């Protein structure tokens, strides 16, 4: 397999996943949760720009 053929296969795979997860809001949300970008509650994780949970000074 040439470099160009490999790239075409990658692009094809990306397109297939994109089509699959864009069928509904739920499918897209589930994909982002599975990928670790969103929490199970649907909140954006801090490392991707979400709000960091406040630390409880009493538990430290």
Protein backbone atom coordinates (compact mmCIF):
# COMPACT_ATOMS: atom_id res chain seq x y z
CA UNK A 1 0.00 0.00 0.00
CA UNK A 2 1.40 3.36 -0.98
CA UNK A 3 1.40 6.43 1.21
CA UNK A 4 -1.38 7.97 -0.90
CA UNK A 5 -3.52 4.81 -0.67
CA UNK A 6 -3.05 4.75 3.10
CA UNK A 7 -4.12 8.39 3.34
CA UNK A 8 -7.22 7.68 1.24
CA UNK A 9 -8.17 4.78 3.55
CA UNK A 10 -7.76 7.04 6.60
CA UNK A 11 -9.94 9.73 5.03
CA UNK A 12 -12.56 7.11 4.16
CA UNK A 13 -12.59 5.86 7.77
CA UNK A 14 -12.93 9.39 9.12
CA UNK A 15 -15.83 10.06 6.76
CA UNK A 16 -17.61 6.86 7.85
CA UNK A 17 -17.27 7.71 11.55
CA UNK A 18 -18.41 11.28 10.93
CA UNK A 19 -21.52 10.08 9.10
CA UNK A 20 -22.28 7.58 11.88
CA UNK A 21 -21.98 10.04 14.76
CA UNK A 22 -23.82 12.87 13.00
CA UNK A 23 -27.11 10.98 12.64
CA UNK A 24 -28.42 12.47 15.90
CA UNK A 25 -27.45 14.67 18.83
CA UNK A 26 -27.43 11.59 21.08
CA UNK A 27 -25.02 9.72 18.79
CA UNK A 28 -22.69 12.73 18.66
CA UNK A 29 -22.85 13.22 22.44
CA UNK A 30 -22.20 9.51 23.07
CA UNK A 31 -19.17 9.64 20.76
CA UNK A 32 -17.73 12.64 22.64
CA UNK A 33 -18.34 10.94 25.99
CA UNK A 34 -16.72 7.73 24.76
CA UNK A 35 -13.73 9.72 23.53
CA UNK A 36 -13.34 11.37 26.94
CA UNK A 37 -14.09 14.91 25.77
CA UNK A 38 -17.36 15.13 27.72
CA UNK A 39 -18.27 13.61 31.08
CA UNK A 40 -21.13 11.13 31.45
CA UNK A 41 -23.24 14.06 32.66
CA UNK A 42 -22.56 15.87 29.37
CA UNK A 43 -20.17 18.50 30.72
CA UNK A 44 -17.03 19.48 28.83
CA UNK A 45 -13.94 18.13 30.60
CA UNK A 46 -11.59 20.72 32.08
CA UNK A 47 -8.68 19.72 29.86
CA UNK A 48 -10.81 20.64 26.83
CA UNK A 49 -11.94 24.02 28.15
CA UNK A 50 -14.58 23.05 30.69
CA UNK A 51 -14.74 24.33 34.24
CA UNK A 52 -12.42 22.66 36.73
CA UNK A 53 -14.17 21.38 39.85
CA UNK A 54 -13.38 23.42 42.92
CA UNK A 55 -11.23 21.68 45.49
CA UNK A 56 -12.68 21.37 48.96
CA UNK A 57 -10.04 22.87 51.31
CA UNK A 58 -11.41 20.81 54.21
CA UNK A 59 -10.66 17.51 52.44
CA UNK A 60 -7.06 18.45 51.58
